[in-house]
């Protein structure tokens, strides 16, 4: 199982390794977007699918935004978790 799969299942150690590499965990099948808001000098990570937006709160650093995103609650359904666990 990859670190991305582990992090999506809630493994915070895997999420920490991905954060150190600057990798954002996918969300809803779309790649998340790291954004800097110049007017307020803050970072967020966002993902939008079918009009639904998932995002972090405002973060003071890029690294904190990535860490907040990568350590959010697991987003997989029970069926998706079963499929991942069945993979070699």
Protein backbone atom coordinates (compact mmCIF):
# COMPACT_ATOMS: atom_id res chain seq x y z
CA UNK A 1 0.00 0.00 0.00
CA UNK A 2 1.36 3.46 -0.86
CA UNK A 3 1.77 6.36 1.55
CA UNK A 4 -1.08 8.14 -0.23
CA UNK A 5 -3.39 5.17 0.33
CA UNK A 6 -2.27 4.88 3.95
CA UNK A 7 -2.80 8.60 4.56
CA UNK A 8 -6.26 8.43 3.01
CA UNK A 9 -7.08 5.71 5.54
CA UNK A 10 -6.03 8.00 8.38
CA UNK A 11 -2.37 7.00 8.88
CA UNK A 12 -0.85 10.24 10.19
CA UNK A 13 2.73 8.94 9.87
CA UNK A 14 2.19 8.44 6.13
CA UNK A 15 0.55 11.88 5.95
CA UNK A 16 3.58 13.40 7.68
CA UNK A 17 5.95 11.81 5.15
CA UNK A 18 3.85 13.19 2.28
CA UNK A 19 3.74 16.61 3.92
CA UNK A 20 7.55 16.65 4.18
CA UNK A 21 7.67 15.93 0.44
CA UNK A 22 5.11 18.68 -0.29
CA UNK A 23 2.62 16.13 -1.66
CA UNK A 24 -1.12 16.81 -1.29
CA UNK A 25 -3.40 13.83 -0.70
CA UNK A 26 -6.08 13.61 -3.43
CA UNK A 27 -9.68 14.41 -2.66
CA UNK A 28 -12.84 13.27 -4.46
CA UNK A 29 -10.85 12.08 -7.46
CA UNK A 30 -9.55 15.58 -8.28
CA UNK A 31 -6.17 16.99 -7.38
CA UNK A 32 -6.36 19.58 -4.58
CA UNK A 33 -5.04 23.08 -5.18
CA UNK A 34 -2.65 24.92 -2.88
CA UNK A 35 -3.56 28.64 -2.89
CA UNK A 36 -1.90 31.74 -1.49
CA UNK A 37 -4.25 34.60 -0.66
CA UNK A 38 -2.17 37.75 -1.18
CA UNK A 39 -4.56 40.23 0.47
CA UNK A 40 -4.52 38.39 3.78
CA UNK A 41 -1.19 36.60 3.36
CA UNK A 42 -2.55 33.15 4.14
CA UNK A 43 -2.48 29.70 2.53
CA UNK A 44 -5.32 27.23 1.93
CA UNK A 45 -5.76 23.91 0.15
CA UNK A 46 -8.98 23.43 -1.82
CA UNK A 47 -10.74 20.81 -3.89
CA UNK A 48 -14.00 21.44 -5.75
CA UNK A 49 -16.21 18.68 -7.18
CA UNK A 50 -19.71 19.14 -8.53
CA UNK A 51 -20.11 22.45 -6.72
CA UNK A 52 -18.94 21.07 -3.36
CA UNK A 53 -15.80 22.66 -1.96
CA UNK A 54 -13.54 20.96 0.56
CA UNK A 55 -10.86 23.20 2.03
CA UNK A 56 -8.60 23.93 4.95
CA UNK A 57 -8.95 27.00 7.07
CA UNK A 58 -6.53 29.86 6.57
CA UNK A 59 -2.96 28.85 7.41
CA UNK A 60 0.04 31.09 8.04
CA UNK A 61 2.49 28.93 6.07
CA UNK A 62 2.44 26.70 3.01
CA UNK A 63 3.72 23.77 5.06
CA UNK A 64 0.94 24.21 7.67
CA UNK A 65 -1.71 24.25 4.92
CA UNK A 66 -0.33 21.01 3.44
CA UNK A 67 -0.12 19.38 6.88
CA UNK A 68 -3.68 20.45 7.75
CA UNK A 69 -4.96 19.04 4.45
CA UNK A 70 -3.02 15.78 4.71
CA UNK A 71 -4.10 15.04 8.29
CA UNK A 72 -7.82 15.67 7.88
CA UNK A 73 -10.26 12.86 8.62
CA UNK A 74 -10.20 9.85 6.25
CA UNK A 75 -12.35 10.52 3.19
CA UNK A 76 -12.84 7.01 1.88
CA UNK A 77 -16.04 5.03 2.04
CA UNK A 78 -16.09 1.54 3.57
CA UNK A 79 -16.22 0.07 0.04
CA UNK A 80 -13.17 2.07 -1.04
CA UNK A 81 -11.25 0.94 2.04
CA UNK A 82 -12.07 -2.71 1.27
CA UNK A 83 -10.79 -2.29 -2.31
CA UNK A 84 -7.53 -0.76 -1.09
CA UNK A 85 -6.99 -3.50 1.47
CA UNK A 86 -7.55 -6.14 -1.21
CA UNK A 87 -4.70 -4.73 -3.36
CA UNK A 88 -1.32 -6.42 -3.03
